[in-house]
Amino acid sequence: MRYYLDFEKKLEPLERRIFEIQRFYDEKDPYYAKELASLRKKIAKLEKEIYSELSNWQRSQLSRHLNRPHTLDYVESIFKDFVELHGDRKFKDDAALIAGFARFEGINVAVVGHQKGKDVREMAHRNFGMAHPDGYRKAMRVMDMATRWGKPIITFIDTPGAFPGIGAEERGQAEAIASNIYFMFSLGVPTISVVIGEGGSGGALAIGIGNRLLMLENATYSVISPEGCAAILWRDGSKGHLAADALKPTARDLLKLQVADEIIHEPFGGAHRDWQETFDNTRSVLAKHLNELIGLDPDTLKTMRYQKFRNMGVFEEKRR
């Protein structure tokens, strides 16, 4: 089932009609090819109208589109021999964050990422990609193993934020996030973070301290969601579109601000419209950056990572 955002609704009846024709009509029927060609022409025209000039708010909605591929989809497509590790050795296994080892382009790597889920049951199981402290401690355990074995680390960011529930706070959510950030600065192996959807708050930053930050074209990365920001500033979550413009959370904005290092292009209309093209583009860009980093010594990698984050932002000092 394909899900349609508000601004995509015009496409729904046309695409459903194509599905019906392909399913129920005989391919040899002259009407079949003629009708399909007509519908595809209308869809192409509508797509151009809808997707040519997307606002920050629309890109924010696309970043959390229900049909976007998630971390395990990328793992299945662009990695080989993935072995998932479970548990933080302290409390439990957090399904909202997956971690393990795999092969990428012939290189053994550690893979860590948020997993949101595709249907209601899996979303509940994965807690919508909002990790508990146990998930971040599991991530640190796997990253520590990768460092000791000299394996590069690739993280996939896709979360509205860390889980803010009572149990998570009781088990030290803030401490777990802070410890991960501190630990990732000490990593002596190449570390690349890829924002594949929503990158929200400390929940994203806890696995986002990399030598390179890559973002899919319609991904977002921000301290807070547009709705949450609007609820604080204007006490009205419906003003998310105004907050999205102010926050500048999109890949294009963050590349200009030198937070992101490169944008991974998505198929026209978004990653949800062609998974395979999205995977192919991600593999290509990821391989390029990993090859640039893999020959560097640990001290150089640590210094690069420190300088990358130290140089973010613009500051002006005034002497009294």
Protein backbone atom coordinates (compact mmCIF):
# COMPACT_ATOMS: atom_id res chain seq x y z
CA MET A 1 0.00 0.00 0.00
CA ARG A 2 1.42 3.36 -1.01
CA TYR A 3 0.89 6.24 1.39
CA TYR A 4 0.27 9.74 0.01
CA LEU A 5 1.10 13.00 1.74
CA ASP A 6 -1.37 15.88 1.43
CA PHE A 7 0.51 17.53 -1.41
CA GLU A 8 0.81 14.18 -3.25
CA LYS A 9 -2.91 13.35 -3.17
CA LYS A 10 -3.49 14.28 -6.83
CA LEU A 11 -1.30 11.35 -7.85
CA GLU A 12 -3.29 8.74 -5.93
CA PRO A 13 -6.25 8.13 -8.28
CA LEU A 14 -4.01 8.01 -11.36
CA GLU A 15 -1.55 5.54 -9.85
CA ARG A 16 -4.35 3.39 -8.49
CA ARG A 17 -5.87 3.30 -11.95
CA ILE A 18 -2.56 2.08 -13.42
CA PHE A 19 -2.47 -0.67 -10.79
CA GLU A 20 -6.02 -1.75 -11.68
CA ILE A 21 -5.28 -1.84 -15.41
CA GLN A 22 -2.09 -3.86 -14.94
CA ARG A 23 -3.86 -6.30 -12.67
CA PHE A 24 -7.17 -6.87 -14.46
CA TYR A 25 -6.70 -6.03 -18.15
CA ASP A 26 -5.28 -8.26 -20.84
CA GLU A 27 -1.95 -6.92 -22.13
CA LYS A 28 -3.00 -7.77 -25.68
CA ASP A 29 -6.02 -5.49 -25.43
CA PRO A 30 -5.33 -2.32 -27.54
CA TYR A 31 -6.91 -0.28 -24.77
CA TYR A 32 -4.25 -1.49 -22.31
CA ALA A 33 -1.20 0.22 -23.83
CA LYS A 34 -3.11 3.34 -24.87
CA GLU A 35 -4.60 3.92 -21.42
CA LEU A 36 -1.31 3.27 -19.63
CA ALA A 37 0.53 5.74 -21.86
CA SER A 38 -2.10 8.40 -21.24
CA LEU A 39 -2.04 7.91 -17.46
CA ARG A 40 1.76 7.96 -17.28
CA LYS A 41 1.85 11.21 -19.24
CA LYS A 42 -0.59 12.79 -16.77
CA ILE A 43 1.43 11.47 -13.82
CA ALA A 44 4.70 12.87 -15.20
CA LYS A 45 3.08 16.29 -15.60
CA LEU A 46 1.67 16.21 -12.07
CA GLU A 47 4.98 15.05 -10.58
CA LYS A 48 6.72 18.00 -12.19
CA GLU A 49 4.16 20.38 -10.65
CA ILE A 50 4.35 18.77 -7.21
CA TYR A 51 8.05 18.00 -6.75
CA SER A 52 9.91 20.67 -8.72
CA GLU A 53 9.97 23.29 -5.96
CA LEU A 54 9.51 21.65 -2.57
CA SER A 55 9.38 23.85 0.53
CA ASN A 56 11.30 23.03 3.73
CA TRP A 57 8.03 21.89 5.28
CA GLN A 58 7.29 19.54 2.40
CA ARG A 59 10.80 18.08 2.57
CA SER A 60 10.30 17.59 6.32
CA GLN A 61 7.17 15.59 5.54
CA LEU A 62 8.99 13.56 2.88
CA SER A 63 11.78 12.76 5.35
CA ARG A 64 9.30 10.79 7.47
CA HIS A 65 7.23 9.35 4.61
CA LEU A 66 5.86 5.94 5.60
CA ASN A 67 7.10 4.34 2.38
CA ARG A 68 10.73 5.52 2.63
CA PRO A 69 13.29 2.71 2.98
CA HIS A 70 14.65 2.22 6.49
CA THR A 71 18.02 1.12 7.85
CA LEU A 72 17.45 -2.63 7.43
CA ASP A 73 16.39 -2.05 3.82
CA TYR A 74 19.74 -0.35 3.13
CA VAL A 75 21.56 -3.13 4.97
CA GLU A 76 19.85 -5.78 2.87
CA SER A 77 20.54 -3.97 -0.40
CA ILE A 78 24.04 -2.52 -0.15
CA PHE A 79 25.74 -4.73 2.46
CA LYS A 80 26.54 -8.43 2.53
CA ASP A 81 26.73 -11.01 5.33
CA PHE A 82 25.13 -8.78 7.96
CA VAL A 83 25.28 -10.25 11.46
CA GLU A 84 23.14 -8.37 13.98
CA LEU A 85 24.23 -8.18 17.61
CA HIS A 86 21.70 -7.77 20.39
CA GLY A 87 21.61 -6.30 23.88
CA ASP A 88 23.59 -3.73 25.82
CA ARG A 89 24.83 -6.27 28.42
CA LYS A 90 23.12 -4.21 31.12
CA PHE A 91 19.33 -4.21 30.73
CA LYS A 92 17.76 -5.32 27.42
CA ASP A 93 17.90 -5.35 23.64
CA ASP A 94 16.39 -2.20 22.12
CA ALA A 95 14.72 -2.97 18.77
CA ALA A 96 14.61 0.75 17.85
CA LEU A 97 18.33 0.67 17.11
CA ILE A 98 20.07 -2.11 15.20
CA ALA A 99 23.79 -2.83 15.30
CA GLY A 100 26.12 -5.44 13.89
CA PHE A 101 28.84 -6.22 11.37
CA ALA A 102 28.69 -6.64 7.60
CA ARG A 103 30.72 -6.33 4.39
CA PHE A 104 30.54 -3.22 2.22
CA GLU A 105 32.31 -3.28 -1.14
CA GLY A 106 34.58 -6.02 0.19
CA ILE A 107 35.39 -4.14 3.41
CA ASN A 108 34.35 -5.42 6.86
CA VAL A 109 32.43 -2.65 8.66
CA ALA A 110 30.25 -2.06 11.69
CA VAL A 111 26.71 -0.90 10.95
CA VAL A 112 24.53 1.00 13.43
CA GLY A 113 21.17 2.61 12.69
CA HIS A 114 17.67 3.51 13.80
CA GLN A 115 14.85 1.28 12.59
CA LYS A 116 11.33 2.74 12.50
CA GLY A 117 9.19 -0.11 11.20
CA LYS A 118 6.87 -0.44 8.19
CA ASP A 119 3.49 -1.36 9.65
CA VAL A 120 1.62 -0.75 12.90
CA ARG A 121 2.90 -3.89 14.59
CA GLU A 122 6.54 -3.33 13.65
CA MET A 123 6.35 0.38 14.48
CA ALA A 124 5.19 -0.53 18.00
CA HIS A 125 7.95 -3.14 18.30
CA ARG A 126 10.58 -0.69 17.06
CA ASN A 127 9.11 2.18 19.10
CA PHE A 128 8.98 4.33 15.92
CA GLY A 129 12.78 4.45 15.84
CA MET A 130 12.99 6.25 19.20
CA ALA A 131 15.77 4.48 21.06
CA HIS A 132 16.00 3.88 24.80
CA PRO A 133 19.34 4.31 26.59
CA ASP A 134 19.82 0.56 26.16
CA GLY A 135 19.90 1.07 22.38
CA TYR A 136 22.61 3.70 22.59
CA ARG A 137 24.66 1.52 24.94
CA LYS A 138 24.30 -1.35 22.46
CA ALA A 139 25.54 0.98 19.72
CA MET A 140 28.53 1.96 21.85
CA ARG A 141 29.32 -1.70 22.54
CA VAL A 142 29.42 -2.48 18.82
CA MET A 143 31.41 0.67 17.97
CA ASP A 144 33.93 -0.22 20.69
CA MET A 145 34.35 -3.68 19.16
CA ALA A 146 34.81 -2.10 15.72
CA THR A 147 37.51 0.23 17.08
CA ARG A 148 39.43 -2.60 18.73
CA TRP A 149 39.31 -4.60 15.51
CA GLY A 150 40.11 -1.61 13.28
CA LYS A 151 36.83 -1.74 11.33
CA PRO A 152 35.18 1.37 9.85
CA ILE A 153 31.79 2.38 11.26
CA ILE A 154 28.75 3.40 9.22
CA THR A 155 25.68 4.78 10.99
CA PHE A 156 22.21 5.39 9.57
CA ILE A 157 20.18 8.15 11.23
CA ASP A 158 16.39 8.02 11.05
CA THR A 159 14.60 9.04 14.25
CA PRO A 160 12.31 11.80 15.53
CA GLY A 161 14.43 11.75 18.70
CA ALA A 162 15.40 9.62 21.67
CA PHE A 163 12.49 8.09 23.59
CA PRO A 164 11.39 10.50 26.38
CA GLY A 165 9.47 7.97 28.51
CA ILE A 166 9.81 7.55 32.28
CA GLY A 167 11.63 4.22 32.02
CA ALA A 168 14.17 5.65 29.59
CA GLU A 169 14.81 8.62 31.86
CA GLU A 170 15.15 6.35 34.91
CA ARG A 171 17.82 4.33 33.11
CA GLY A 172 19.81 7.42 32.17
CA GLN A 173 18.75 8.56 28.71
CA ALA A 174 20.67 11.85 28.80
CA GLU A 175 23.79 10.17 30.18
CA ALA A 176 23.66 7.47 27.48
CA ILE A 177 23.44 10.06 24.69
CA ALA A 178 26.21 12.21 26.19
CA SER A 179 28.45 9.16 26.68
CA ASN A 180 27.96 8.12 23.06
CA ILE A 181 28.84 11.59 21.78
CA TYR A 182 31.95 11.68 24.00
CA PHE A 183 32.96 8.15 22.95
CA MET A 184 32.53 8.76 19.21
CA PHE A 185 35.01 11.63 19.30
CA SER A 186 37.64 9.12 20.46
CA LEU A 187 37.09 6.61 17.65
CA GLY A 188 40.28 5.78 15.78
CA VAL A 189 38.54 4.31 12.74
CA PRO A 190 36.76 5.94 9.76
CA THR A 191 33.21 6.86 10.80
CA ILE A 192 30.51 7.94 8.37
CA SER A 193 26.97 8.96 9.32
CA VAL A 194 24.15 8.94 6.79
CA VAL A 195 20.85 10.72 7.48
CA ILE A 196 18.33 8.64 5.52
CA GLY A 197 15.14 10.22 6.85
CA GLU A 198 14.45 12.20 9.99
CA GLY A 199 17.41 13.25 12.12
CA GLY A 200 15.94 14.58 15.34
CA SER A 201 17.65 16.01 18.43
CA GLY A 202 20.15 14.15 20.62
CA GLY A 203 18.62 10.86 19.56
CA ALA A 204 20.21 11.42 16.15
CA LEU A 205 23.41 13.05 17.37
CA ALA A 206 24.16 10.07 19.63
CA ILE A 207 25.21 8.06 16.57
CA GLY A 208 26.05 11.06 14.36
CA ILE A 209 29.59 12.06 15.40
CA GLY A 210 31.34 10.97 12.24
CA ASN A 211 34.22 12.07 10.05
CA ARG A 212 31.64 12.64 7.33
CA LEU A 213 27.93 13.43 7.46
CA LEU A 214 25.97 12.48 4.35
CA MET A 215 22.31 13.33 3.84
CA LEU A 216 19.71 12.06 1.44
CA GLU A 217 18.22 14.88 -0.61
CA ASN A 218 14.91 14.95 1.29
CA ALA A 219 16.28 14.08 4.72
CA THR A 220 16.22 16.54 7.62
CA TYR A 221 18.57 17.03 10.57
CA SER A 222 17.62 19.37 13.38
CA VAL A 223 17.57 19.91 17.12
CA ILE A 224 13.77 19.61 17.12
CA SER A 225 10.92 18.80 14.76
CA PRO A 226 9.15 21.73 13.05
CA GLU A 227 5.93 20.93 14.96
CA GLY A 228 7.77 20.80 18.29
CA CYS A 229 9.53 24.07 17.57
CA ALA A 230 6.23 25.74 16.62
CA ALA A 231 4.58 24.46 19.79
CA ILE A 232 7.32 26.10 21.87
CA LEU A 233 7.67 29.38 19.97
CA TRP A 234 4.04 30.05 19.07
CA ARG A 235 2.21 27.52 21.26
CA ASP A 236 0.72 26.19 18.04
CA GLY A 237 2.05 23.00 16.45
CA SER A 238 0.11 23.71 13.26
CA LYS A 239 2.64 26.43 12.42
CA GLY A 240 5.25 23.80 11.62
CA HIS A 241 5.71 25.24 8.14
CA LEU A 242 7.00 28.51 9.64
CA ALA A 243 9.35 26.66 11.97
CA ALA A 244 10.69 24.55 9.10
CA ASP A 245 11.80 27.71 7.29
CA ALA A 246 13.43 29.08 10.43
CA LEU A 247 15.20 25.86 11.46
CA LYS A 248 16.77 25.22 8.02
CA PRO A 249 16.79 21.45 8.60
CA THR A 250 17.08 20.27 4.99
CA ALA A 251 20.11 18.73 3.28
CA ARG A 252 20.47 21.76 1.02
CA ASP A 253 20.51 24.15 4.00
CA LEU A 254 22.95 22.03 6.00
CA LEU A 255 25.34 21.66 3.08
CA LYS A 256 25.49 25.47 2.83
CA LEU A 257 26.11 25.67 6.58
CA GLN A 258 28.91 23.09 6.22
CA VAL A 259 27.21 20.67 8.60
CA ALA A 260 26.60 18.07 5.88
CA ASP A 261 29.48 17.01 3.64
CA GLU A 262 27.49 15.77 0.65
CA ILE A 263 23.91 15.29 -0.52
CA ILE A 264 22.86 11.89 -1.83
CA HIS A 265 20.39 12.48 -4.64
CA GLU A 266 17.00 10.78 -4.48
CA PRO A 267 14.74 9.76 -7.36
CA PHE A 268 12.48 12.56 -8.57
CA GLY A 269 9.66 12.74 -6.02
CA GLY A 270 11.58 11.15 -3.16
CA ALA A 271 13.25 7.91 -2.04
CA HIS A 272 9.88 6.24 -1.54
CA ARG A 273 9.18 6.34 -5.29
CA ASP A 274 12.20 4.25 -6.34
CA TRP A 275 14.06 2.34 -3.64
CA GLN A 276 16.64 0.77 -5.94
CA GLU A 277 17.84 4.09 -7.36
CA THR A 278 18.12 5.39 -3.79
CA PHE A 279 20.21 2.38 -2.76
CA ASP A 280 22.46 2.69 -5.81
CA ASN A 281 23.10 6.40 -5.17
CA THR A 282 23.78 5.77 -1.49
CA ARG A 283 26.21 2.96 -2.24
CA SER A 284 28.16 5.12 -4.69
CA VAL A 285 28.54 8.15 -2.39
CA LEU A 286 29.26 6.01 0.67
CA ALA A 287 31.99 4.08 -1.15
CA LYS A 288 33.63 7.32 -2.31
CA HIS A 289 33.88 8.76 1.20
CA LEU A 290 34.93 5.49 2.81
CA ASN A 291 37.78 5.08 0.30
CA GLU A 292 38.94 8.63 1.10
CA LEU A 293 39.09 7.88 4.84
CA ILE A 294 40.20 4.28 5.04
CA GLY A 295 43.93 4.91 4.61
CA LEU A 296 44.18 7.58 7.34
CA ASP A 297 45.80 6.86 10.71
CA PRO A 298 43.77 7.00 13.98
CA ASP A 299 45.19 10.33 15.19
CA THR A 300 44.40 12.03 11.89
CA LEU A 301 40.82 10.68 11.95
CA LYS A 302 40.29 11.93 15.52
CA THR A 303 41.68 15.37 14.68
CA MET A 304 39.55 15.64 11.53
CA ARG A 305 36.43 14.71 13.47
CA TYR A 306 37.18 17.19 16.23
CA GLN A 307 37.88 20.03 13.78
CA LYS A 308 34.75 19.26 11.76
CA PHE A 309 32.49 19.87 14.75
CA ARG A 310 34.65 22.64 16.23
CA ASN A 311 34.27 24.67 13.04
CA MET A 312 30.47 24.49 12.92
CA GLY A 313 28.62 27.73 13.49
CA VAL A 314 29.58 31.39 13.27
CA PHE A 315 30.65 33.23 16.41
CA GLU A 316 31.43 36.85 17.10
CA GLU A 317 33.37 37.90 20.19
CA LYS A 318 32.95 41.38 21.61
CA ARG A 319 35.37 42.86 24.08
CA ARG A 320 34.06 45.18 26.72
